[in-house]
Amino acid sequence: MLNIYLISAIMVLSVLGVYFLVKEITSLIIKNKYDSCVVLRIYDNADTAENIIRGALTANPSSDIVIIDKSGNNEVGKILDRFEADYARVHIKRAPEK
């Protein structure tokens, strides 16, 4: 009789172990497959742009940062180019001029 309870307990623990193993593996696969992306629109203020980008880089250490430059400002453009050169995960998209 004791052997039946022992075998039942072992089976339940085995099933739970497999369940949690599959759950952990699945979460790792999903986490690595679907990376996040942060999109920022930057207008004319150079100081604000730099602070916002630094904040986004700090708050999202594994995310790509896509910056849409709507400024048309050379000073902002230089700052954005510097960030793109310094960080591989920063990508600049220039808004077409009207």
PDB file of N, CA and C in Angstrom:
ATOM      1  N   MET A   1       0.804  -1.183   0.000  1.00  0.00           N
ATOM      2  CA  MET A   1       0.000   0.000   0.000  1.00  0.00           C
ATOM      3  C   MET A   1       0.862   1.268   0.000  1.00  0.00           C
ATOM      4  N   LEU A   2       1.927   1.244   0.782  1.00  0.00           N
ATOM      5  CA  LEU A   2       2.841   2.380   0.854  1.00  0.00           C
ATOM      6  C   LEU A   2       3.517   2.609  -0.496  1.00  0.00           C
ATOM      7  N   ASN A   3       3.814   1.541  -1.192  1.00  0.00           N
ATOM      8  CA  ASN A   3       4.462   1.662  -2.494  1.00  0.00           C
ATOM      9  C   ASN A   3       3.575   2.386  -3.501  1.00  0.00           C
ATOM     10  N   ILE A   4       2.274   2.197  -3.444  1.00  0.00           N
ATOM     11  CA  ILE A   4       1.355   2.871  -4.366  1.00  0.00           C
ATOM     12  C   ILE A   4       1.375   4.378  -4.124  1.00  0.00           C
ATOM     13  N   TYR A   5       1.355   4.790  -2.848  1.00  0.00           N
ATOM     14  CA  TYR A   5       1.411   6.214  -2.532  1.00  0.00           C
ATOM     15  C   TYR A   5       2.745   6.828  -2.948  1.00  0.00           C
ATOM     16  N   LEU A   6       3.806   6.099  -2.755  1.00  0.00           N
ATOM     17  CA  LEU A   6       5.131   6.579  -3.134  1.00  0.00           C
ATOM     18  C   LEU A   6       5.243   6.721  -4.653  1.00  0.00           C
ATOM     19  N   ILE A   7       4.753   5.729  -5.365  1.00  0.00           N
ATOM     20  CA  ILE A   7       4.794   5.783  -6.826  1.00  0.00           C
ATOM     21  C   ILE A   7       3.903   6.918  -7.333  1.00  0.00           C
ATOM     22  N   SER A   8       2.739   7.116  -6.741  1.00  0.00           N
ATOM     23  CA  SER A   8       1.845   8.204  -7.143  1.00  0.00           C
ATOM     24  C   SER A   8       2.504   9.562  -6.910  1.00  0.00           C
ATOM     25  N   ALA A   9       3.146   9.715  -5.775  1.00  0.00           N
ATOM     26  CA  ALA A   9       3.825  10.982  -5.472  1.00  0.00           C
ATOM     27  C   ALA A   9       4.955  11.245  -6.458  1.00  0.00           C
ATOM     28  N   ILE A  10       5.706  10.231  -6.780  1.00  0.00           N
ATOM     29  CA  ILE A  10       6.807  10.379  -7.740  1.00  0.00           C
ATOM     30  C   ILE A  10       6.262  10.745  -9.117  1.00  0.00           C
ATOM     31  N   MET A  11       5.177  10.143  -9.522  1.00  0.00           N
ATOM     32  CA  MET A  11       4.583  10.454 -10.826  1.00  0.00           C
ATOM     33  C   MET A  11       4.091  11.898 -10.879  1.00  0.00           C
ATOM     34  N   VAL A  12       3.435  12.340  -9.800  1.00  0.00           N
ATOM     35  CA  VAL A  12       2.939  13.717  -9.762  1.00  0.00           C
ATOM     36  C   VAL A  12       4.103  14.699  -9.812  1.00  0.00           C
ATOM     37  N   LEU A  13       5.143  14.446  -9.050  1.00  0.00           N
ATOM     38  CA  LEU A  13       6.310  15.326  -9.061  1.00  0.00           C
ATOM     39  C   LEU A  13       6.997  15.322 -10.422  1.00  0.00           C
ATOM     40  N   SER A  14       7.028  14.190 -11.077  1.00  0.00           N
ATOM     41  CA  SER A  14       7.638  14.098 -12.409  1.00  0.00           C
ATOM     42  C   SER A  14       6.853  14.925 -13.417  1.00  0.00           C
ATOM     43  N   VAL A  15       5.528  14.800 -13.371  1.00  0.00           N
ATOM     44  CA  VAL A  15       4.685  15.571 -14.294  1.00  0.00           C
ATOM     45  C   VAL A  15       4.847  17.064 -14.037  1.00  0.00           C
ATOM     46  N   LEU A  16       4.849  17.464 -12.774  1.00  0.00           N
ATOM     47  CA  LEU A  16       5.046  18.877 -12.444  1.00  0.00           C
ATOM     48  C   LEU A  16       6.420  19.368 -12.886  1.00  0.00           C
ATOM     49  N   GLY A  17       7.438  18.536 -12.700  1.00  0.00           N
ATOM     50  CA  GLY A  17       8.786  18.912 -13.131  1.00  0.00           C
ATOM     51  C   GLY A  17       8.856  19.138 -14.624  1.00  0.00           C
ATOM     52  N   VAL A  18       8.251  18.247 -15.397  1.00  0.00           N
ATOM     53  CA  VAL A  18       8.234  18.397 -16.865  1.00  0.00           C
ATOM     54  C   VAL A  18       7.448  19.643 -17.252  1.00  0.00           C
ATOM     55  N   TYR A  19       6.321  19.881 -16.598  1.00  0.00           N
ATOM     56  CA  TYR A  19       5.512  21.062 -16.892  1.00  0.00           C
ATOM     57  C   TYR A  19       6.326  22.340 -16.698  1.00  0.00           C
ATOM     58  N   PHE A  20       6.977  22.475 -15.551  1.00  0.00           N
ATOM     59  CA  PHE A  20       7.736  23.695 -15.279  1.00  0.00           C
ATOM     60  C   PHE A  20       8.959  23.824 -16.181  1.00  0.00           C
ATOM     61  N   LEU A  21       9.559  22.713 -16.561  1.00  0.00           N
ATOM     62  CA  LEU A  21      10.686  22.751 -17.490  1.00  0.00           C
ATOM     63  C   LEU A  21      10.238  23.254 -18.855  1.00  0.00           C
ATOM     64  N   VAL A  22       9.129  22.715 -19.352  1.00  0.00           N
ATOM     65  CA  VAL A  22       8.604  23.155 -20.655  1.00  0.00           C
ATOM     66  C   VAL A  22       8.187  24.626 -20.589  1.00  0.00           C
ATOM     67  N   LYS A  23       7.578  25.022 -19.495  1.00  0.00           N
ATOM     68  CA  LYS A  23       7.167  26.426 -19.329  1.00  0.00           C
ATOM     69  C   LYS A  23       8.377  27.357 -19.355  1.00  0.00           C
ATOM     70  N   GLU A  24       9.433  26.994 -18.673  1.00  0.00           N
ATOM     71  CA  GLU A  24      10.641  27.834 -18.638  1.00  0.00           C
ATOM     72  C   GLU A  24      11.311  27.912 -20.004  1.00  0.00           C
ATOM     73  N   ILE A  25      11.414  26.784 -20.678  1.00  0.00           N
ATOM     74  CA  ILE A  25      12.023  26.764 -22.014  1.00  0.00           C
ATOM     75  C   ILE A  25      11.197  27.608 -22.981  1.00  0.00           C
ATOM     76  N   THR A  26       9.881  27.483 -22.916  1.00  0.00           N
ATOM     77  CA  THR A  26       9.009  28.263 -23.794  1.00  0.00           C
ATOM     78  C   THR A  26       9.158  29.753 -23.537  1.00  0.00           C
ATOM     79  N   SER A  27       9.225  30.154 -22.278  1.00  0.00           N
ATOM     80  CA  SER A  27       9.373  31.581 -21.987  1.00  0.00           C
ATOM     81  C   SER A  27      10.710  32.119 -22.480  1.00  0.00           C
ATOM     82  N   LEU A  28      11.762  31.325 -22.398  1.00  0.00           N
ATOM     83  CA  LEU A  28      13.070  31.764 -22.918  1.00  0.00           C
ATOM     84  C   LEU A  28      13.046  31.900 -24.429  1.00  0.00           C
ATOM     85  N   ILE A  29      12.398  30.968 -25.105  1.00  0.00           N
ATOM     86  CA  ILE A  29      12.313  31.040 -26.569  1.00  0.00           C
ATOM     87  C   ILE A  29      11.527  32.274 -26.982  1.00  0.00           C
ATOM     88  N   ILE A  30      10.395  32.517 -26.341  1.00  0.00           N
ATOM     89  CA  ILE A  30       9.574  33.676 -26.690  1.00  0.00           C
ATOM     90  C   ILE A  30      10.311  34.969 -26.377  1.00  0.00           C
ATOM     91  N   LYS A  31      10.981  35.032 -25.238  1.00  0.00           N
ATOM     92  CA  LYS A  31      11.713  36.249 -24.858  1.00  0.00           C
ATOM     93  C   LYS A  31      12.798  36.561 -25.873  1.00  0.00           C
ATOM     94  N   ASN A  32      13.526  35.558 -26.343  1.00  0.00           N
ATOM     95  CA  ASN A  32      14.613  35.783 -27.284  1.00  0.00           C
ATOM     96  C   ASN A  32      14.114  36.012 -28.705  1.00  0.00           C
ATOM     97  N   LYS A  33      12.949  35.500 -29.029  1.00  0.00           N
ATOM     98  CA  LYS A  33      12.444  35.641 -30.391  1.00  0.00           C
ATOM     99  C   LYS A  33      11.781  36.988 -30.630  1.00  0.00           C
ATOM    100  N   TYR A  34      11.055  37.488 -29.653  1.00  0.00           N
ATOM    101  CA  TYR A  34      10.300  38.711 -29.816  1.00  0.00           C
ATOM    102  C   TYR A  34      10.931  39.825 -29.000  1.00  0.00           C
ATOM    103  N   ASP A  35      11.953  40.442 -29.558  1.00  0.00           N
ATOM    104  CA  ASP A  35      12.576  41.570 -28.881  1.00  0.00           C
ATOM    105  C   ASP A  35      11.677  42.792 -29.024  1.00  0.00           C
ATOM    106  N   SER A  36      11.793  43.680 -28.086  1.00  0.00           N
ATOM    107  CA  SER A  36      10.960  44.872 -28.129  1.00  0.00           C
ATOM    108  C   SER A  36      11.674  45.995 -28.866  1.00  0.00           C
ATOM    109  N   CYS A  37      10.892  46.969 -29.229  1.00  0.00           N
ATOM    110  CA  CYS A  37      11.410  48.110 -29.974  1.00  0.00           C
ATOM    111  C   CYS A  37      10.721  49.362 -29.430  1.00  0.00           C
ATOM    112  N   VAL A  38      11.504  50.396 -29.182  1.00  0.00           N
ATOM    113  CA  VAL A  38      10.972  51.671 -28.700  1.00  0.00           C
ATOM    114  C   VAL A  38      11.074  52.667 -29.847  1.00  0.00           C
ATOM    115  N   VAL A  39       9.976  53.345 -30.128  1.00  0.00           N
ATOM    116  CA  VAL A  39       9.951  54.336 -31.207  1.00  0.00           C
ATOM    117  C   VAL A  39       9.781  55.721 -30.582  1.00  0.00           C
ATOM    118  N   LEU A  40      10.692  56.620 -30.936  1.00  0.00           N
ATOM    119  CA  LEU A  40      10.656  57.995 -30.419  1.00  0.00           C
ATOM    120  C   LEU A  40      10.567  58.968 -31.583  1.00  0.00           C
ATOM    121  N   ARG A  41       9.743  59.994 -31.438  1.00  0.00           N
ATOM    122  CA  ARG A  41       9.714  61.099 -32.399  1.00  0.00           C
ATOM    123  C   ARG A  41      10.441  62.267 -31.768  1.00  0.00           C
ATOM    124  N   ILE A  42      11.416  62.778 -32.470  1.00  0.00           N
ATOM    125  CA  ILE A  42      12.211  63.883 -31.951  1.00  0.00           C
ATOM    126  C   ILE A  42      11.927  65.126 -32.787  1.00  0.00           C
ATOM    127  N   TYR A  43      11.624  66.224 -32.075  1.00  0.00           N
ATOM    128  CA  TYR A  43      11.373  67.497 -32.744  1.00  0.00           C
ATOM    129  C   TYR A  43      12.565  68.421 -32.529  1.00  0.00           C
ATOM    130  N   ASP A  44      12.405  69.698 -32.318  1.00  0.00           N
ATOM    131  CA  ASP A  44      13.484  70.680 -32.414  1.00  0.00           C
ATOM    132  C   ASP A  44      14.386  70.849 -31.204  1.00  0.00           C
ATOM    133  N   ASN A  45      14.038  70.446 -30.016  1.00  0.00           N
ATOM    134  CA  ASN A  45      14.823  70.747 -28.831  1.00  0.00           C
ATOM    135  C   ASN A  45      15.950  69.718 -28.643  1.00  0.00           C
ATOM    136  N   ALA A  46      17.204  70.165 -28.821  1.00  0.00           N
ATOM    137  CA  ALA A  46      18.357  69.267 -28.765  1.00  0.00           C
ATOM    138  C   ALA A  46      18.595  68.710 -27.362  1.00  0.00           C
ATOM    139  N   ASP A  47      18.478  69.559 -26.339  1.00  0.00           N
ATOM    140  CA  ASP A  47      18.710  69.097 -24.962  1.00  0.00           C
ATOM    141  C   ASP A  47      17.683  68.049 -24.549  1.00  0.00           C
ATOM    142  N   THR A  48      16.441  68.296 -24.858  1.00  0.00           N
ATOM    143  CA  THR A  48      15.380  67.348 -24.530  1.00  0.00           C
ATOM    144  C   THR A  48      15.567  66.046 -25.296  1.00  0.00           C
ATOM    145  N   ALA A  49      15.948  66.146 -26.556  1.00  0.00           N
ATOM    146  CA  ALA A  49      16.152  64.950 -27.372  1.00  0.00           C
ATOM    147  C   ALA A  49      17.218  64.051 -26.762  1.00  0.00           C
ATOM    148  N   GLU A  50      18.318  64.636 -26.362  1.00  0.00           N
ATOM    149  CA  GLU A  50      19.407  63.847 -25.776  1.00  0.00           C
ATOM    150  C   GLU A  50      18.960  63.174 -24.480  1.00  0.00           C
ATOM    151  N   ASN A  51      18.229  63.899 -23.628  1.00  0.00           N
ATOM    152  CA  ASN A  51      17.757  63.326 -22.367  1.00  0.00           C
ATOM    153  C   ASN A  51      16.755  62.195 -22.600  1.00  0.00           C
ATOM    154  N   ILE A  52      15.873  62.384 -23.560  1.00  0.00           N
ATOM    155  CA  ILE A  52      14.871  61.352 -23.853  1.00  0.00           C
ATOM    156  C   ILE A  52      15.543  60.086 -24.374  1.00  0.00           C
ATOM    157  N   ILE A  53      16.510  60.244 -25.250  1.00  0.00           N
ATOM    158  CA  ILE A  53      17.193  59.071 -25.814  1.00  0.00           C
ATOM    159  C   ILE A  53      17.985  58.344 -24.728  1.00  0.00           C
ATOM    160  N   ARG A  54      18.695  59.079 -23.901  1.00  0.00           N
ATOM    161  CA  ARG A  54      19.433  58.444 -22.800  1.00  0.00           C
ATOM    162  C   ARG A  54      18.484  57.708 -21.853  1.00  0.00           C
ATOM    163  N   GLY A  55      17.353  58.309 -21.568  1.00  0.00           N
ATOM    164  CA  GLY A  55      16.362  57.661 -20.713  1.00  0.00           C
ATOM    165  C   GLY A  55      15.811  56.386 -21.332  1.00  0.00           C
ATOM    166  N   ALA A  56      15.554  56.420 -22.633  1.00  0.00           N
ATOM    167  CA  ALA A  56      15.045  55.231 -23.320  1.00  0.00           C
ATOM    168  C   ALA A  56      16.091  54.127 -23.342  1.00  0.00           C
ATOM    169  N   LEU A  57      17.347  54.474 -23.540  1.00  0.00           N
ATOM    170  CA  LEU A  57      18.422  53.474 -23.531  1.00  0.00           C
ATOM    171  C   LEU A  57      18.560  52.833 -22.156  1.00  0.00           C
ATOM    172  N   THR A  58      18.455  53.642 -21.112  1.00  0.00           N
ATOM    173  CA  THR A  58      18.586  53.133 -19.748  1.00  0.00           C
ATOM    174  C   THR A  58      17.387  52.280 -19.352  1.00  0.00           C
ATOM    175  N   ALA A  59      16.199  52.745 -19.674  1.00  0.00           N
ATOM    176  CA  ALA A  59      14.984  52.039 -19.265  1.00  0.00           C
ATOM    177  C   ALA A  59      14.738  50.763 -20.060  1.00  0.00           C
ATOM    178  N   ASN A  60      15.311  50.655 -21.253  1.00  0.00           N
ATOM    179  CA  ASN A  60      15.080  49.500 -22.126  1.00  0.00           C
ATOM    180  C   ASN A  60      16.421  48.941 -22.598  1.00  0.00           C
ATOM    181  N   PRO A  61      17.153  48.269 -21.716  1.00  0.00           N
ATOM    182  CA  PRO A  61      18.514  47.846 -22.055  1.00  0.00           C
ATOM    183  C   PRO A  61      18.619  46.808 -23.171  1.00  0.00           C
ATOM    184  N   SER A  62      17.546  46.088 -23.463  1.00  0.00           N
ATOM    185  CA  SER A  62      17.645  45.072 -24.514  1.00  0.00           C
ATOM    186  C   SER A  62      16.812  45.418 -25.741  1.00  0.00           C
ATOM    187  N   SER A  63      16.238  46.602 -25.770  1.00  0.00           N
ATOM    188  CA  SER A  63      15.364  46.995 -26.874  1.00  0.00           C
ATOM    189  C   SER A  63      16.114  47.828 -27.901  1.00  0.00           C
ATOM    190  N   ASP A  64      15.676  47.696 -29.152  1.00  0.00           N
ATOM    191  CA  ASP A  64      16.152  48.607 -30.176  1.00  0.00           C
ATOM    192  C   ASP A  64      15.409  49.928 -30.011  1.00  0.00           C
ATOM    193  N   ILE A  65      16.101  51.017 -30.284  1.00  0.00           N
ATOM    194  CA  ILE A  65      15.510  52.350 -30.185  1.00  0.00           C
ATOM    195  C   ILE A  65      15.462  52.926 -31.596  1.00  0.00           C
ATOM    196  N   VAL A  66      14.264  53.125 -32.108  1.00  0.00           N
ATOM    197  CA  VAL A  66      14.076  53.725 -33.425  1.00  0.00           C
ATOM    198  C   VAL A  66      13.674  55.170 -33.201  1.00  0.00           C
ATOM    199  N   ILE A  67      14.447  56.079 -33.775  1.00  0.00           N
ATOM    200  CA  ILE A  67      14.207  57.511 -33.583  1.00  0.00           C
ATOM    201  C   ILE A  67      13.777  58.104 -34.915  1.00  0.00           C
ATOM    202  N   ILE A  68      12.613  58.728 -34.909  1.00  0.00           N
ATOM    203  CA  ILE A  68      12.124  59.415 -36.104  1.00  0.00           C
ATOM    204  C   ILE A  68      12.458  60.888 -35.937  1.00  0.00           C
ATOM    205  N   ASP A  69      13.360  61.357 -36.778  1.00  0.00           N
ATOM    206  CA  ASP A  69      13.830  62.749 -36.699  1.00  0.00           C
ATOM    207  C   ASP A  69      12.888  63.630 -37.503  1.00  0.00           C
ATOM    208  N   LYS A  70      12.097  64.421 -36.787  1.00  0.00           N
ATOM    209  CA  LYS A  70      11.178  65.352 -37.440  1.00  0.00           C
ATOM    210  C   LYS A  70      11.647  66.790 -37.245  1.00  0.00           C
ATOM    211  N   SER A  71      12.898  66.953 -36.842  1.00  0.00           N
ATOM    212  CA  SER A  71      13.362  68.279 -36.456  1.00  0.00           C
ATOM    213  C   SER A  71      13.764  69.136 -37.644  1.00  0.00           C
ATOM    214  N   GLY A  72      14.527  68.593 -38.555  1.00  0.00           N
ATOM    215  CA  GLY A  72      15.085  69.426 -39.609  1.00  0.00           C
ATOM    216  C   GLY A  72      16.157  70.352 -39.074  1.00  0.00           C
ATOM    217  N   ASN A  73      16.603  70.113 -37.863  1.00  0.00           N
ATOM    218  CA  ASN A  73      17.572  70.946 -37.156  1.00  0.00           C
ATOM    219  C   ASN A  73      18.934  70.247 -37.220  1.00  0.00           C
ATOM    220  N   ASN A  74      19.971  70.971 -37.651  1.00  0.00           N
ATOM    221  CA  ASN A  74      21.305  70.373 -37.764  1.00  0.00           C
ATOM    222  C   ASN A  74      21.872  69.949 -36.415  1.00  0.00           C
ATOM    223  N   GLU A  75      21.624  70.723 -35.362  1.00  0.00           N
ATOM    224  CA  GLU A  75      22.142  70.384 -34.036  1.00  0.00           C
ATOM    225  C   GLU A  75      21.527  69.077 -33.537  1.00  0.00           C
ATOM    226  N   VAL A  76      20.233  68.939 -33.697  1.00  0.00           N
ATOM    227  CA  VAL A  76      19.558  67.694 -33.303  1.00  0.00           C
ATOM    228  C   VAL A  76      20.059  66.545 -34.180  1.00  0.00           C
ATOM    229  N   GLY A  77      20.222  66.788 -35.457  1.00  0.00           N
ATOM    230  CA  GLY A  77      20.722  65.761 -36.377  1.00  0.00           C
ATOM    231  C   GLY A  77      22.096  65.240 -35.976  1.00  0.00           C
ATOM    232  N   LYS A  78      22.976  66.139 -35.540  1.00  0.00           N
ATOM    233  CA  LYS A  78      24.312  65.721 -35.097  1.00  0.00           C
ATOM    234  C   LYS A  78      24.234  64.856 -33.838  1.00  0.00           C
ATOM    235  N   ILE A  79      23.371  65.237 -32.913  1.00  0.00           N
ATOM    236  CA  ILE A  79      23.197  64.443 -31.685  1.00  0.00           C
ATOM    237  C   ILE A  79      22.680  63.051 -32.032  1.00  0.00           C
ATOM    238  N   LEU A  80      21.682  62.994 -32.907  1.00  0.00           N
ATOM    239  CA  LEU A  80      21.122  61.705 -33.294  1.00  0.00           C
ATOM    240  C   LEU A  80      22.151  60.845 -34.020  1.00  0.00           C
ATOM    241  N   ASP A  81      22.940  61.453 -34.895  1.00  0.00           N
ATOM    242  CA  ASP A  81      23.991  60.705 -35.597  1.00  0.00           C
ATOM    243  C   ASP A  81      25.022  60.154 -34.615  1.00  0.00           C
ATOM    244  N   ARG A  82      25.346  60.930 -33.598  1.00  0.00           N
ATOM    245  CA  ARG A  82      26.296  60.461 -32.585  1.00  0.00           C
ATOM    246  C   ARG A  82      25.745  59.247 -31.822  1.00  0.00           C
ATOM    247  N   PHE A  83      24.465  59.320 -31.446  1.00  0.00           N
ATOM    248  CA  PHE A  83      23.853  58.175 -30.760  1.00  0.00           C
ATOM    249  C   PHE A  83      23.843  56.942 -31.659  1.00  0.00           C
ATOM    250  N   GLU A  84      23.534  57.129 -32.923  1.00  0.00           N
ATOM    251  CA  GLU A  84      23.493  55.999 -33.859  1.00  0.00           C
ATOM    252  C   GLU A  84      24.875  55.384 -34.027  1.00  0.00           C
ATOM    253  N   ALA A  85      25.914  56.215 -34.018  1.00  0.00           N
ATOM    254  CA  ALA A  85      27.280  55.703 -34.146  1.00  0.00           C
ATOM    255  C   ALA A  85      27.745  55.003 -32.866  1.00  0.00           C
ATOM    256  N   ASP A  86      27.315  55.497 -31.704  1.00  0.00           N
ATOM    257  CA  ASP A  86      27.763  54.949 -30.421  1.00  0.00           C
ATOM    258  C   ASP A  86      27.018  53.693 -29.988  1.00  0.00           C
ATOM    259  N   TYR A  87      25.773  53.549 -30.399  1.00  0.00           N
ATOM    260  CA  TYR A  87      24.936  52.429 -29.955  1.00  0.00           C
ATOM    261  C   TYR A  87      24.405  51.668 -31.167  1.00  0.00           C
ATOM    262  N   ALA A  88      24.703  50.381 -31.227  1.00  0.00           N
ATOM    263  CA  ALA A  88      24.259  49.556 -32.356  1.00  0.00           C
ATOM    264  C   ALA A  88      22.744  49.390 -32.380  1.00  0.00           C
ATOM    265  N   ARG A  89      22.095  49.550 -31.245  1.00  0.00           N
ATOM    266  CA  ARG A  89      20.647  49.343 -31.203  1.00  0.00           C
ATOM    267  C   ARG A  89      19.844  50.612 -31.417  1.00  0.00           C
ATOM    268  N   VAL A  90      20.509  51.725 -31.730  1.00  0.00           N
ATOM    269  CA  VAL A  90      19.823  52.982 -32.052  1.00  0.00           C
ATOM    270  C   VAL A  90      19.786  53.134 -33.567  1.00  0.00           C
ATOM    271  N   HIS A  91      18.589  53.373 -34.088  1.00  0.00           N
ATOM    272  CA  HIS A  91      18.386  53.511 -35.532  1.00  0.00           C
ATOM    273  C   HIS A  91      17.644  54.812 -35.799  1.00  0.00           C
ATOM    274  N   ILE A  92      18.166  55.608 -36.718  1.00  0.00           N
ATOM    275  CA  ILE A  92      17.582  56.904 -37.036  1.00  0.00           C
ATOM    276  C   ILE A  92      16.845  56.822 -38.363  1.00  0.00           C
ATOM    277  N   LYS A  93      15.629  57.333 -38.368  1.00  0.00           N
ATOM    278  CA  LYS A  93      14.849  57.469 -39.591  1.00  0.00           C
ATOM    279  C   LYS A  93      14.532  58.948 -39.743  1.00  0.00           C
ATOM    280  N   ARG A  94      14.898  59.498 -40.870  1.00  0.00           N
ATOM    281  CA  ARG A  94      14.640  60.913 -41.129  1.00  0.00           C
ATOM    282  C   ARG A  94      13.254  61.063 -41.761  1.00  0.00           C
ATOM    283  N   ALA A  95      12.461  61.949 -41.211  1.00  0.00           N
ATOM    284  CA  ALA A  95      11.138  62.224 -41.764  1.00  0.00           C
ATOM    285  C   ALA A  95      11.323  63.013 -43.044  1.00  0.00           C
ATOM    286  N   PRO A  96      10.568  62.685 -44.086  1.00  0.00           N
ATOM    287  CA  PRO A  96      10.698  63.433 -45.338  1.00  0.00           C
ATOM    288  C   PRO A  96      10.260  64.879 -45.140  1.00  0.00           C
ATOM    289  N   GLU A  97      10.979  65.771 -45.776  1.00  0.00           N
ATOM    290  CA  GLU A  97      10.647  67.193 -45.674  1.00  0.00           C
ATOM    291  C   GLU A  97       9.466  67.493 -46.569  1.00  0.00           C
ATOM    292  N   LYS A  98       8.622  68.420 -46.090  1.00  0.00           N
ATOM    293  CA  LYS A  98       7.425  68.794 -46.843  1.00  0.00           C
ATOM    294  C   LYS A  98       7.697  69.920 -47.789  1.00  0.00           C
TER     295      LYS A  98
END
